[in-house]
Amino acid sequence: MTFLTAIMVGVIFASATFLMLGRELKGVCMGVFLLGHGANLAIISSSTSPLGRIAPVLGDGIDLGQYADPLPQALILTAIVIGFAVQAFLLTLLVLTWRRAQTLELSELSS
């Protein structure tokens, strides 16, 4: 993981934590979204760099050292799809909460 990418991941995690500790429900949802994106960025940047490497086409007598590892990329693709489903569910809950309570303030929702 490069230094710049590590700084970006840290900023995304810090922003997500700040938003999730807020008092508005939409901030909490945005924090959850950012946390998922930060985790995806951390996983993909901690894998080997695919820059300059090609996708593996397996055959006899091929050196696997020149190929990019496809496992982290497949895991991130799965995480993106699951994250999208969670985001859609949270946005649905946000809209239903607004329709029912006419507020997104967590202190007003608890009473």
C-alpha atoms as a PDB file:
ATOM      1  CA  MET A   1       0.000   0.000   0.000  1.00  0.00           C
ATOM      2  CA  THR A   2       1.509   3.316  -0.978  1.00  0.00           C
ATOM      3  CA  PHE A   3       1.746   6.167   1.477  1.00  0.00           C
ATOM      4  CA  LEU A   4      -0.759   8.345  -0.380  1.00  0.00           C
ATOM      5  CA  THR A   5      -3.315   5.540  -0.551  1.00  0.00           C
ATOM      6  CA  ALA A   6      -2.866   4.837   3.163  1.00  0.00           C
ATOM      7  CA  ILE A   7      -3.517   8.516   3.907  1.00  0.00           C
ATOM      8  CA  MET A   8      -6.645   8.424   1.716  1.00  0.00           C
ATOM      9  CA  VAL A   9      -7.944   5.315   3.498  1.00  0.00           C
ATOM     10  CA  GLY A  10      -7.326   6.959   6.870  1.00  0.00           C
ATOM     11  CA  VAL A  11      -9.166  10.126   5.833  1.00  0.00           C
ATOM     12  CA  ILE A  12     -12.110   8.097   4.522  1.00  0.00           C
ATOM     13  CA  PHE A  13     -12.291   6.055   7.746  1.00  0.00           C
ATOM     14  CA  ALA A  14     -12.040   9.205   9.878  1.00  0.00           C
ATOM     15  CA  SER A  15     -14.787  10.908   7.858  1.00  0.00           C
ATOM     16  CA  ALA A  16     -16.986   7.824   8.126  1.00  0.00           C
ATOM     17  CA  THR A  17     -16.500   7.672  11.890  1.00  0.00           C
ATOM     18  CA  PHE A  18     -17.288  11.379  12.230  1.00  0.00           C
ATOM     19  CA  LEU A  19     -20.478  11.020  10.195  1.00  0.00           C
ATOM     20  CA  MET A  20     -21.653   7.902  12.039  1.00  0.00           C
ATOM     21  CA  LEU A  21     -21.262   9.618  15.410  1.00  0.00           C
ATOM     22  CA  GLY A  22     -23.499  12.500  14.338  1.00  0.00           C
ATOM     23  CA  ARG A  23     -27.087  13.172  15.338  1.00  0.00           C
ATOM     24  CA  GLU A  24     -28.772  12.940  11.952  1.00  0.00           C
ATOM     25  CA  LEU A  25     -29.781   9.664  10.389  1.00  0.00           C
ATOM     26  CA  LYS A  26     -28.662  10.712   6.909  1.00  0.00           C
ATOM     27  CA  GLY A  27     -25.172  11.380   8.275  1.00  0.00           C
ATOM     28  CA  VAL A  28     -25.107   7.918   9.812  1.00  0.00           C
ATOM     29  CA  CYS A  29     -26.095   6.421   6.444  1.00  0.00           C
ATOM     30  CA  MET A  30     -23.416   8.420   4.632  1.00  0.00           C
ATOM     31  CA  GLY A  31     -20.875   7.244   7.217  1.00  0.00           C
ATOM     32  CA  VAL A  32     -21.798   3.616   6.573  1.00  0.00           C
ATOM     33  CA  PHE A  33     -21.426   4.211   2.832  1.00  0.00           C
ATOM     34  CA  LEU A  34     -17.991   5.795   3.286  1.00  0.00           C
ATOM     35  CA  LEU A  35     -16.874   3.015   5.613  1.00  0.00           C
ATOM     36  CA  GLY A  36     -17.652   0.424   2.938  1.00  0.00           C
ATOM     37  CA  HIS A  37     -15.787   2.381   0.286  1.00  0.00           C
ATOM     38  CA  GLY A  38     -12.810   2.843   2.595  1.00  0.00           C
ATOM     39  CA  ALA A  39     -12.664  -0.880   3.305  1.00  0.00           C
ATOM     40  CA  ASN A  40     -12.785  -1.633  -0.424  1.00  0.00           C
ATOM     41  CA  LEU A  41      -9.954   0.820  -1.079  1.00  0.00           C
ATOM     42  CA  ALA A  42      -7.871  -0.651   1.747  1.00  0.00           C
ATOM     43  CA  ILE A  43      -8.268  -4.206   0.473  1.00  0.00           C
ATOM     44  CA  ILE A  44      -7.530  -3.408  -3.163  1.00  0.00           C
ATOM     45  CA  SER A  45      -4.528  -1.256  -2.304  1.00  0.00           C
ATOM     46  CA  SER A  46      -3.042  -3.865   0.031  1.00  0.00           C
ATOM     47  CA  SER A  47      -3.043  -6.462  -2.736  1.00  0.00           C
ATOM     48  CA  THR A  48      -0.246  -6.588  -5.254  1.00  0.00           C
ATOM     49  CA  SER A  49      -0.267  -3.745  -7.709  1.00  0.00           C
ATOM     50  CA  PRO A  50      -1.862  -4.835 -10.995  1.00  0.00           C
ATOM     51  CA  LEU A  51      -0.112  -1.997 -12.851  1.00  0.00           C
ATOM     52  CA  GLY A  52       2.060  -3.441 -15.555  1.00  0.00           C
ATOM     53  CA  ARG A  53       0.748  -6.931 -15.006  1.00  0.00           C
ATOM     54  CA  ILE A  54      -1.628  -8.870 -17.205  1.00  0.00           C
ATOM     55  CA  ALA A  55      -4.561 -11.131 -16.454  1.00  0.00           C
ATOM     56  CA  PRO A  56      -3.620 -14.781 -15.995  1.00  0.00           C
ATOM     57  CA  VAL A  57      -4.148 -17.073 -18.958  1.00  0.00           C
ATOM     58  CA  LEU A  58      -3.127 -20.454 -17.661  1.00  0.00           C
ATOM     59  CA  GLY A  59      -1.320 -23.011 -19.716  1.00  0.00           C
ATOM     60  CA  ASP A  60       1.713 -25.275 -19.606  1.00  0.00           C
ATOM     61  CA  GLY A  61       5.094 -23.817 -18.674  1.00  0.00           C
ATOM     62  CA  ILE A  62       3.907 -20.315 -17.776  1.00  0.00           C
ATOM     63  CA  ASP A  63       5.621 -18.250 -15.066  1.00  0.00           C
ATOM     64  CA  LEU A  64       2.876 -17.005 -12.730  1.00  0.00           C
ATOM     65  CA  GLY A  65       5.055 -14.226 -11.296  1.00  0.00           C
ATOM     66  CA  GLN A  66       4.190 -11.807 -14.084  1.00  0.00           C
ATOM     67  CA  TYR A  67       0.429 -12.063 -13.609  1.00  0.00           C
ATOM     68  CA  ALA A  68      -1.840 -10.061 -11.331  1.00  0.00           C
ATOM     69  CA  ASP A  69      -3.601 -11.903  -8.524  1.00  0.00           C
ATOM     70  CA  PRO A  70      -7.324 -11.971  -9.436  1.00  0.00           C
ATOM     71  CA  LEU A  71      -8.581 -12.925  -5.947  1.00  0.00           C
ATOM     72  CA  PRO A  72      -8.564  -9.424  -4.346  1.00  0.00           C
ATOM     73  CA  GLN A  73     -10.256  -8.003  -7.426  1.00  0.00           C
ATOM     74  CA  ALA A  74     -12.981 -10.663  -7.265  1.00  0.00           C
ATOM     75  CA  LEU A  75     -13.470 -10.045  -3.542  1.00  0.00           C
ATOM     76  CA  ILE A  76     -13.797  -6.298  -4.098  1.00  0.00           C
ATOM     77  CA  LEU A  77     -16.331  -6.851  -6.864  1.00  0.00           C
ATOM     78  CA  THR A  78     -18.392  -8.991  -4.494  1.00  0.00           C
ATOM     79  CA  ALA A  79     -18.036  -6.397  -1.726  1.00  0.00           C
ATOM     80  CA  ILE A  80     -19.207  -3.635  -4.073  1.00  0.00           C
ATOM     81  CA  VAL A  81     -22.344  -5.588  -4.999  1.00  0.00           C
ATOM     82  CA  ILE A  82     -23.142  -6.399  -1.358  1.00  0.00           C
ATOM     83  CA  GLY A  83     -22.413  -2.795  -0.375  1.00  0.00           C
ATOM     84  CA  PHE A  84     -24.797  -1.541  -3.040  1.00  0.00           C
ATOM     85  CA  ALA A  85     -27.560  -3.763  -1.640  1.00  0.00           C
ATOM     86  CA  VAL A  86     -26.907  -2.508   1.901  1.00  0.00           C
ATOM     87  CA  GLN A  87     -26.930   1.096   0.675  1.00  0.00           C
ATOM     88  CA  ALA A  88     -30.254   0.589  -1.090  1.00  0.00           C
ATOM     89  CA  PHE A  89     -31.713  -0.967   2.068  1.00  0.00           C
ATOM     90  CA  LEU A  90     -30.462   1.896   4.266  1.00  0.00           C
ATOM     91  CA  LEU A  91     -31.837   4.506   1.876  1.00  0.00           C
ATOM     92  CA  THR A  92     -35.196   2.726   1.907  1.00  0.00           C
ATOM     93  CA  LEU A  93     -35.195   2.793   5.710  1.00  0.00           C
ATOM     94  CA  LEU A  94     -34.250   6.474   5.606  1.00  0.00           C
ATOM     95  CA  VAL A  95     -37.180   7.339   3.317  1.00  0.00           C
ATOM     96  CA  LEU A  96     -39.628   5.269   5.381  1.00  0.00           C
ATOM     97  CA  THR A  97     -38.415   6.923   8.580  1.00  0.00           C
ATOM     98  CA  TRP A  98     -38.894  10.367   7.049  1.00  0.00           C
ATOM     99  CA  ARG A  99     -42.404   9.506   5.856  1.00  0.00           C
ATOM    100  CA  ARG A 100     -43.434   8.139   9.235  1.00  0.00           C
ATOM    101  CA  ALA A 101     -41.747  10.553  11.667  1.00  0.00           C
ATOM    102  CA  GLN A 102     -41.130  13.645   9.475  1.00  0.00           C
ATOM    103  CA  THR A 103     -37.663  13.960  11.008  1.00  0.00           C
ATOM    104  CA  LEU A 104     -34.235  12.392  10.684  1.00  0.00           C
ATOM    105  CA  GLU A 105     -32.882  13.680  14.019  1.00  0.00           C
ATOM    106  CA  LEU A 106     -31.902  10.689  16.176  1.00  0.00           C
ATOM    107  CA  SER A 107     -32.762  12.446  19.448  1.00  0.00           C
ATOM    108  CA  GLU A 108     -36.308  13.119  18.224  1.00  0.00           C
ATOM    109  CA  LEU A 109     -36.730   9.578  16.906  1.00  0.00           C
ATOM    110  CA  SER A 110     -35.908   7.995  20.261  1.00  0.00           C
ATOM    111  CA  SER A 111     -38.820   9.701  22.018  1.00  0.00           C
END
